[in-house]
């Protein structure tokens, strides 16, 4: 019959379990990130192709839509929830 774990052993067990959960979450997020990067690249290609064909949107359609630069800047200013 196994002995009951000490408080430190329980703490270690819980920390190891939590670490494995985070590792799994990080792996899933990395996979999602790669897919999103591919999608952004493809959409960039579509946008570039259409703009070379001189396809333009009326200004009122562009109002309120942040530029890529604005989106990148705001994403670096945001914090990740803990």
PDB file of N, CA and C in Angstrom:
ATOM      1  N   UNK A   1       0.851  -1.168   0.000  1.00  0.00           N
ATOM      2  CA  UNK A   1       0.000   0.000   0.000  1.00  0.00           C
ATOM      3  C   UNK A   1       0.902   1.238   0.000  1.00  0.00           C
ATOM      4  N   UNK A   2       0.562   2.237  -0.793  1.00  0.00           N
ATOM      5  CA  UNK A   2       1.407   3.427  -0.889  1.00  0.00           C
ATOM      6  C   UNK A   2       1.120   4.381   0.252  1.00  0.00           C
ATOM      7  N   UNK A   3       2.172   5.089   0.635  1.00  0.00           N
ATOM      8  CA  UNK A   3       2.038   6.079   1.698  1.00  0.00           C
ATOM      9  C   UNK A   3       1.383   7.332   1.125  1.00  0.00           C
ATOM     10  N   UNK A   4       0.776   8.122   1.976  1.00  0.00           N
ATOM     11  CA  UNK A   4       0.210   9.380   1.508  1.00  0.00           C
ATOM     12  C   UNK A   4       1.351  10.352   1.216  1.00  0.00           C
ATOM     13  N   UNK A   5       1.119  11.225   0.259  1.00  0.00           N
ATOM     14  CA  UNK A   5       2.158  12.169  -0.143  1.00  0.00           C
ATOM     15  C   UNK A   5       2.275  13.301   0.863  1.00  0.00           C
ATOM     16  N   UNK A   6       3.509  13.784   1.016  1.00  0.00           N
ATOM     17  CA  UNK A   6       3.721  14.935   1.881  1.00  0.00           C
ATOM     18  C   UNK A   6       3.196  16.181   1.167  1.00  0.00           C
ATOM     19  N   UNK A   7       3.120  17.276   1.883  1.00  0.00           N
ATOM     20  CA  UNK A   7       2.645  18.525   1.303  1.00  0.00           C
ATOM     21  C   UNK A   7       3.542  18.948   0.135  1.00  0.00           C
ATOM     22  N   UNK A   8       4.847  18.804   0.301  1.00  0.00           N
ATOM     23  CA  UNK A   8       5.781  19.171  -0.761  1.00  0.00           C
ATOM     24  C   UNK A   8       5.627  18.261  -1.978  1.00  0.00           C
ATOM     25  N   UNK A   9       5.407  16.981  -1.729  1.00  0.00           N
ATOM     26  CA  UNK A   9       5.213  16.048  -2.838  1.00  0.00           C
ATOM     27  C   UNK A   9       3.928  16.371  -3.598  1.00  0.00           C
ATOM     28  N   UNK A  10       2.884  16.727  -2.877  1.00  0.00           N
ATOM     29  CA  UNK A  10       1.626  17.119  -3.535  1.00  0.00           C
ATOM     30  C   UNK A  10       1.839  18.395  -4.355  1.00  0.00           C
ATOM     31  N   UNK A  11       2.605  19.315  -3.797  1.00  0.00           N
ATOM     32  CA  UNK A  11       2.903  20.552  -4.509  1.00  0.00           C
ATOM     33  C   UNK A  11       3.666  20.239  -5.799  1.00  0.00           C
ATOM     34  N   UNK A  12       4.660  19.357  -5.703  1.00  0.00           N
ATOM     35  CA  UNK A  12       5.434  18.940  -6.870  1.00  0.00           C
ATOM     36  C   UNK A  12       4.535  18.273  -7.902  1.00  0.00           C
ATOM     37  N   UNK A  13       3.682  17.369  -7.452  1.00  0.00           N
ATOM     38  CA  UNK A  13       2.773  16.665  -8.354  1.00  0.00           C
ATOM     39  C   UNK A  13       1.854  17.657  -9.073  1.00  0.00           C
ATOM     40  N   UNK A  14       1.304  18.603  -8.330  1.00  0.00           N
ATOM     41  CA  UNK A  14       0.411  19.603  -8.927  1.00  0.00           C
ATOM     42  C   UNK A  14       1.155  20.495  -9.920  1.00  0.00           C
ATOM     43  N   UNK A  15       2.379  20.896  -9.566  1.00  0.00           N
ATOM     44  CA  UNK A  15       3.177  21.736 -10.459  1.00  0.00           C
ATOM     45  C   UNK A  15       3.498  20.999 -11.760  1.00  0.00           C
ATOM     46  N   UNK A  16       3.841  19.726 -11.659  1.00  0.00           N
ATOM     47  CA  UNK A  16       4.147  18.926 -12.844  1.00  0.00           C
ATOM     48  C   UNK A  16       2.908  18.764 -13.723  1.00  0.00           C
ATOM     49  N   UNK A  17       1.776  18.542 -13.086  1.00  0.00           N
ATOM     50  CA  UNK A  17       0.520  18.408 -13.826  1.00  0.00           C
ATOM     51  C   UNK A  17       0.181  19.711 -14.550  1.00  0.00           C
ATOM     52  N   UNK A  18       0.300  20.826 -13.860  1.00  0.00           N
ATOM     53  CA  UNK A  18       0.003  22.128 -14.456  1.00  0.00           C
ATOM     54  C   UNK A  18       0.955  22.423 -15.611  1.00  0.00           C
ATOM     55  N   UNK A  19       2.229  22.051 -15.437  1.00  0.00           N
ATOM     56  CA  UNK A  19       3.207  22.265 -16.504  1.00  0.00           C
ATOM     57  C   UNK A  19       2.809  21.488 -17.762  1.00  0.00           C
ATOM     58  N   UNK A  20       2.367  20.268 -17.606  1.00  0.00           N
ATOM     59  CA  UNK A  20       1.960  19.452 -18.751  1.00  0.00           C
ATOM     60  C   UNK A  20       0.741  20.050 -19.453  1.00  0.00           C
ATOM     61  N   UNK A  21      -0.171  20.601 -18.676  1.00  0.00           N
ATOM     62  CA  UNK A  21      -1.337  21.266 -19.265  1.00  0.00           C
ATOM     63  C   UNK A  21      -0.882  22.457 -20.093  1.00  0.00           C
ATOM     64  N   UNK A  22       0.020  23.269 -19.547  1.00  0.00           N
ATOM     65  CA  UNK A  22       0.515  24.450 -20.267  1.00  0.00           C
ATOM     66  C   UNK A  22       1.286  24.057 -21.516  1.00  0.00           C
ATOM     67  N   UNK A  23       2.084  23.008 -21.435  1.00  0.00           N
ATOM     68  CA  UNK A  23       2.820  22.545 -22.608  1.00  0.00           C
ATOM     69  C   UNK A  23       1.849  22.146 -23.709  1.00  0.00           C
ATOM     70  N   UNK A  24       0.792  21.455 -23.351  1.00  0.00           N
ATOM     71  CA  UNK A  24      -0.224  21.066 -24.320  1.00  0.00           C
ATOM     72  C   UNK A  24      -0.906  22.284 -24.926  1.00  0.00           C
ATOM     73  N   UNK A  25      -1.241  23.264 -24.093  1.00  0.00           N
ATOM     74  CA  UNK A  25      -1.880  24.482 -24.580  1.00  0.00           C
ATOM     75  C   UNK A  25      -0.958  25.252 -25.516  1.00  0.00           C
ATOM     76  N   UNK A  26       0.313  25.330 -25.174  1.00  0.00           N
ATOM     77  CA  UNK A  26       1.283  26.037 -26.015  1.00  0.00           C
ATOM     78  C   UNK A  26       1.392  25.348 -27.378  1.00  0.00           C
ATOM     79  N   UNK A  27       1.428  24.032 -27.390  1.00  0.00           N
ATOM     80  CA  UNK A  27       1.514  23.293 -28.651  1.00  0.00           C
ATOM     81  C   UNK A  27       0.300  23.583 -29.525  1.00  0.00           C
ATOM     82  N   UNK A  28      -0.882  23.611 -28.921  1.00  0.00           N
ATOM     83  CA  UNK A  28      -2.097  23.916 -29.681  1.00  0.00           C
ATOM     84  C   UNK A  28      -2.062  25.346 -30.216  1.00  0.00           C
ATOM     85  N   UNK A  29      -1.625  26.288 -29.390  1.00  0.00           N
ATOM     86  CA  UNK A  29      -1.539  27.685 -29.815  1.00  0.00           C
ATOM     87  C   UNK A  29      -0.522  27.870 -30.936  1.00  0.00           C
ATOM     88  N   UNK A  30       0.604  27.159 -30.849  1.00  0.00           N
ATOM     89  CA  UNK A  30       1.604  27.241 -31.914  1.00  0.00           C
ATOM     90  C   UNK A  30       1.035  26.725 -33.226  1.00  0.00           C
ATOM     91  N   UNK A  31       0.252  25.670 -33.166  1.00  0.00           N
ATOM     92  CA  UNK A  31      -0.384  25.126 -34.365  1.00  0.00           C
ATOM     93  C   UNK A  31      -1.362  26.134 -34.964  1.00  0.00           C
ATOM     94  N   UNK A  32      -2.177  26.738 -34.108  1.00  0.00           N
ATOM     95  CA  UNK A  32      -3.123  27.753 -34.564  1.00  0.00           C
ATOM     96  C   UNK A  32      -2.375  28.939 -35.156  1.00  0.00           C
ATOM     97  N   UNK A  33      -1.291  29.346 -34.510  1.00  0.00           N
ATOM     98  CA  UNK A  33      -0.498  30.475 -34.983  1.00  0.00           C
ATOM     99  C   UNK A  33       0.055  30.208 -36.380  1.00  0.00           C
ATOM    100  N   UNK A  34       0.562  29.020 -36.617  1.00  0.00           N
ATOM    101  CA  UNK A  34       1.095  28.683 -37.937  1.00  0.00           C
ATOM    102  C   UNK A  34       0.010  28.750 -39.005  1.00  0.00           C
ATOM    103  N   UNK A  35      -1.172  28.239 -38.697  1.00  0.00           N
ATOM    104  CA  UNK A  35      -2.282  28.298 -39.645  1.00  0.00           C
ATOM    105  C   UNK A  35      -2.650  29.747 -39.934  1.00  0.00           C
ATOM    106  N   UNK A  36      -2.729  30.572 -38.897  1.00  0.00           N
ATOM    107  CA  UNK A  36      -3.077  31.987 -39.077  1.00  0.00           C
ATOM    108  C   UNK A  36      -2.014  32.720 -39.884  1.00  0.00           C
ATOM    109  N   UNK A  37      -0.735  32.412 -39.652  1.00  0.00           N
ATOM    110  CA  UNK A  37       0.334  33.036 -40.428  1.00  0.00           C
ATOM    111  C   UNK A  37       0.180  32.698 -41.914  1.00  0.00           C
ATOM    112  N   UNK A  38      -0.134  31.442 -42.215  1.00  0.00           N
ATOM    113  CA  UNK A  38      -0.348  31.034 -43.600  1.00  0.00           C
ATOM    114  C   UNK A  38      -1.536  31.773 -44.202  1.00  0.00           C
ATOM    115  N   UNK A  39      -2.609  31.910 -43.429  1.00  0.00           N
ATOM    116  CA  UNK A  39      -3.793  32.612 -43.916  1.00  0.00           C
ATOM    117  C   UNK A  39      -3.494  34.085 -44.168  1.00  0.00           C
ATOM    118  N   UNK A  40      -2.756  34.715 -43.269  1.00  0.00           N
ATOM    119  CA  UNK A  40      -2.385  36.126 -43.443  1.00  0.00           C
ATOM    120  C   UNK A  40      -1.553  36.283 -44.707  1.00  0.00           C
ATOM    121  N   UNK A  41      -0.629  35.378 -44.927  1.00  0.00           N
ATOM    122  CA  UNK A  41       0.217  35.441 -46.117  1.00  0.00           C
ATOM    123  C   UNK A  41      -0.620  35.293 -47.387  1.00  0.00           C
ATOM    124  N   UNK A  42      -1.533  34.341 -47.399  1.00  0.00           N
ATOM    125  CA  UNK A  42      -2.395  34.146 -48.571  1.00  0.00           C
ATOM    126  C   UNK A  42      -3.281  35.354 -48.819  1.00  0.00           C
ATOM    127  N   UNK A  43      -3.837  35.901 -47.751  1.00  0.00           N
ATOM    128  CA  UNK A  43      -4.681  37.085 -47.902  1.00  0.00           C
ATOM    129  C   UNK A  43      -3.866  38.279 -48.392  1.00  0.00           C
ATOM    130  N   UNK A  44      -2.626  38.390 -47.915  1.00  0.00           N
ATOM    131  CA  UNK A  44      -1.743  39.443 -48.409  1.00  0.00           C
ATOM    132  C   UNK A  44      -1.501  39.305 -49.899  1.00  0.00           C
ATOM    133  N   UNK A  45      -1.334  38.077 -50.355  1.00  0.00           N
ATOM    134  CA  UNK A  45      -1.157  37.826 -51.785  1.00  0.00           C
ATOM    135  C   UNK A  45      -2.394  38.200 -52.588  1.00  0.00           C
ATOM    136  N   UNK A  46      -3.546  37.886 -52.058  1.00  0.00           N
ATOM    137  CA  UNK A  46      -4.804  38.240 -52.730  1.00  0.00           C
ATOM    138  C   UNK A  46      -4.942  39.756 -52.819  1.00  0.00           C
ATOM    139  N   UNK A  47      -4.666  40.428 -51.710  1.00  0.00           N
ATOM    140  CA  UNK A  47      -4.762  41.893 -51.678  1.00  0.00           C
ATOM    141  C   UNK A  47      -3.772  42.502 -52.666  1.00  0.00           C
ATOM    142  N   UNK A  48      -2.549  42.009 -52.664  1.00  0.00           N
ATOM    143  CA  UNK A  48      -1.541  42.529 -53.589  1.00  0.00           C
ATOM    144  C   UNK A  48      -1.965  42.314 -55.038  1.00  0.00           C
ATOM    145  N   UNK A  49      -2.465  41.129 -55.349  1.00  0.00           N
ATOM    146  CA  UNK A  49      -2.926  40.829 -56.714  1.00  0.00           C
ATOM    147  C   UNK A  49      -4.038  41.779 -57.130  1.00  0.00           C
ATOM    148  N   UNK A  50      -5.031  41.957 -56.266  1.00  0.00           N
ATOM    149  CA  UNK A  50      -6.166  42.815 -56.607  1.00  0.00           C
ATOM    150  C   UNK A  50      -5.748  44.282 -56.750  1.00  0.00           C
ATOM    151  N   UNK A  51      -4.825  44.719 -55.911  1.00  0.00           N
ATOM    152  CA  UNK A  51      -4.389  46.118 -56.027  1.00  0.00           C
ATOM    153  C   UNK A  51      -3.540  46.332 -57.285  1.00  0.00           C
ATOM    154  N   UNK A  52      -2.814  45.310 -57.732  1.00  0.00           N
ATOM    155  CA  UNK A  52      -2.080  45.453 -58.997  1.00  0.00           C
ATOM    156  C   UNK A  52      -3.031  45.525 -60.181  1.00  0.00           C
ATOM    157  N   UNK A  53      -4.228  44.987 -59.999  1.00  0.00           N
ATOM    158  CA  UNK A  53      -5.275  45.097 -61.036  1.00  0.00           C
ATOM    159  C   UNK A  53      -6.040  46.408 -60.925  1.00  0.00           C
ATOM    160  N   UNK A  54      -5.581  47.260 -59.996  1.00  0.00           N
ATOM    161  CA  UNK A  54      -6.190  48.573 -59.747  1.00  0.00           C
ATOM    162  C   UNK A  54      -7.593  48.482 -59.146  1.00  0.00           C
ATOM    163  N   UNK A  55      -7.874  47.385 -58.441  1.00  0.00           N
ATOM    164  CA  UNK A  55      -9.139  47.266 -57.710  1.00  0.00           C
ATOM    165  C   UNK A  55      -9.008  48.117 -56.455  1.00  0.00           C
ATOM    166  N   UNK A  56      -9.955  49.026 -56.251  1.00  0.00           N
ATOM    167  CA  UNK A  56      -9.925  49.910 -55.091  1.00  0.00           C
ATOM    168  C   UNK A  56     -11.290  49.928 -54.422  1.00  0.00           C
ATOM    169  N   UNK A  57     -11.274  50.193 -53.129  1.00  0.00           N
ATOM    170  CA  UNK A  57     -12.517  50.355 -52.374  1.00  0.00           C
ATOM    171  C   UNK A  57     -12.804  51.837 -52.206  1.00  0.00           C
ATOM    172  N   UNK A  58     -14.086  52.191 -52.189  1.00  0.00           N
ATOM    173  CA  UNK A  58     -14.417  53.584 -51.881  1.00  0.00           C
ATOM    174  C   UNK A  58     -13.931  53.923 -50.469  1.00  0.00           C
ATOM    175  N   UNK A  59     -13.572  55.181 -50.247  1.00  0.00           N
ATOM    176  CA  UNK A  59     -13.016  55.605 -48.966  1.00  0.00           C
ATOM    177  C   UNK A  59     -13.941  55.272 -47.802  1.00  0.00           C
ATOM    178  N   UNK A  60     -15.249  55.413 -47.996  1.00  0.00           N
ATOM    179  CA  UNK A  60     -16.175  55.119 -46.893  1.00  0.00           C
ATOM    180  C   UNK A  60     -16.134  53.655 -46.476  1.00  0.00           C
ATOM    181  N   UNK A  61     -15.728  52.777 -47.382  1.00  0.00           N
ATOM    182  CA  UNK A  61     -15.566  51.357 -47.031  1.00  0.00           C
ATOM    183  C   UNK A  61     -14.309  51.138 -46.195  1.00  0.00           C
ATOM    184  N   UNK A  62     -13.335  52.007 -46.370  1.00  0.00           N
ATOM    185  CA  UNK A  62     -12.077  51.879 -45.633  1.00  0.00           C
ATOM    186  C   UNK A  62     -12.129  52.544 -44.263  1.00  0.00           C
ATOM    187  N   UNK A  63     -13.054  53.499 -44.092  1.00  0.00           N
ATOM    188  CA  UNK A  63     -13.167  54.203 -42.814  1.00  0.00           C
ATOM    189  C   UNK A  63     -13.486  53.215 -41.703  1.00  0.00           C
ATOM    190  N   UNK A  64     -12.767  53.308 -40.627  1.00  0.00           N
ATOM    191  CA  UNK A  64     -12.998  52.440 -39.472  1.00  0.00           C
ATOM    192  C   UNK A  64     -12.247  51.118 -39.539  1.00  0.00           C
ATOM    193  N   UNK A  65     -11.633  50.831 -40.690  1.00  0.00           N
ATOM    194  CA  UNK A  65     -10.839  49.605 -40.806  1.00  0.00           C
ATOM    195  C   UNK A  65      -9.386  49.985 -40.537  1.00  0.00           C
ATOM    196  N   UNK A  66      -8.788  49.463 -39.463  1.00  0.00           N
ATOM    197  CA  UNK A  66      -7.402  49.833 -39.153  1.00  0.00           C
ATOM    198  C   UNK A  66      -6.440  49.278 -40.210  1.00  0.00           C
ATOM    199  N   UNK A  67      -5.352  49.988 -40.413  1.00  0.00           N
ATOM    200  CA  UNK A  67      -4.328  49.519 -41.340  1.00  0.00           C
ATOM    201  C   UNK A  67      -3.571  48.349 -40.702  1.00  0.00           C
ATOM    202  N   UNK A  68      -2.819  47.649 -41.521  1.00  0.00           N
ATOM    203  CA  UNK A  68      -2.007  46.543 -41.012  1.00  0.00           C
ATOM    204  C   UNK A  68      -1.022  47.065 -39.967  1.00  0.00           C
ATOM    205  N   UNK A  69      -0.419  48.222 -40.257  1.00  0.00           N
ATOM    206  CA  UNK A  69       0.535  48.802 -39.315  1.00  0.00           C
ATOM    207  C   UNK A  69      -0.133  49.110 -37.976  1.00  0.00           C
ATOM    208  N   UNK A  70      -1.352  49.662 -38.026  1.00  0.00           N
ATOM    209  CA  UNK A  70      -2.081  49.957 -36.784  1.00  0.00           C
ATOM    210  C   UNK A  70      -2.409  48.678 -36.024  1.00  0.00           C
ATOM    211  N   UNK A  71      -2.797  47.648 -36.760  1.00  0.00           N
ATOM    212  CA  UNK A  71      -3.118  46.367 -36.123  1.00  0.00           C
ATOM    213  C   UNK A  71      -1.881  45.775 -35.445  1.00  0.00           C
ATOM    214  N   UNK A  72      -0.746  45.828 -36.133  1.00  0.00           N
ATOM    215  CA  UNK A  72       0.480  45.269 -35.558  1.00  0.00           C
ATOM    216  C   UNK A  72       0.913  46.051 -34.332  1.00  0.00           C
ATOM    217  N   UNK A  73       0.786  47.376 -34.388  1.00  0.00           N
ATOM    218  CA  UNK A  73       1.182  48.189 -33.247  1.00  0.00           C
ATOM    219  C   UNK A  73       0.268  47.929 -32.050  1.00  0.00           C
ATOM    220  N   UNK A  74      -1.038  47.852 -32.292  1.00  0.00           N
ATOM    221  CA  UNK A  74      -1.960  47.634 -31.171  1.00  0.00           C
ATOM    222  C   UNK A  74      -1.781  46.239 -30.587  1.00  0.00           C
ATOM    223  N   UNK A  75      -1.419  45.260 -31.407  1.00  0.00           N
ATOM    224  CA  UNK A  75      -1.238  43.899 -30.877  1.00  0.00           C
ATOM    225  C   UNK A  75      -0.001  43.813 -29.997  1.00  0.00           C
ATOM    226  N   UNK A  76       1.005  44.635 -30.253  1.00  0.00           N
ATOM    227  CA  UNK A  76       2.191  44.608 -29.404  1.00  0.00           C
ATOM    228  C   UNK A  76       1.965  45.346 -28.108  1.00  0.00           C
ATOM    229  N   UNK A  77       0.954  46.222 -28.082  1.00  0.00           N
ATOM    230  CA  UNK A  77       0.644  46.970 -26.871  1.00  0.00           C
ATOM    231  C   UNK A  77      -0.274  46.197 -25.932  1.00  0.00           C
ATOM    232  N   UNK A  78      -0.983  45.209 -26.458  1.00  0.00           N
ATOM    233  CA  UNK A  78      -1.911  44.427 -25.639  1.00  0.00           C
ATOM    234  C   UNK A  78      -1.125  43.451 -24.779  1.00  0.00           C
ATOM    235  N   UNK A  79      -1.688  43.120 -23.635  1.00  0.00           N
ATOM    236  CA  UNK A  79      -1.045  42.132 -22.777  1.00  0.00           C
ATOM    237  C   UNK A  79      -1.811  40.822 -22.848  1.00  0.00           C
ATOM    238  N   UNK A  80      -1.096  39.753 -22.628  1.00  0.00           N
ATOM    239  CA  UNK A  80      -1.690  38.419 -22.646  1.00  0.00           C
ATOM    240  C   UNK A  80      -2.225  38.131 -21.254  1.00  0.00           C
ATOM    241  N   UNK A  81      -3.488  37.695 -21.148  1.00  0.00           N
ATOM    242  CA  UNK A  81      -4.020  37.375 -19.816  1.00  0.00           C
ATOM    243  C   UNK A  81      -3.281  36.209 -19.190  1.00  0.00           C
ATOM    244  N   UNK A  82      -3.141  36.257 -17.894  1.00  0.00           N
ATOM    245  CA  UNK A  82      -2.433  35.188 -17.170  1.00  0.00           C
ATOM    246  C   UNK A  82      -3.391  34.076 -16.831  1.00  0.00           C
TER     247      UNK A  82
END
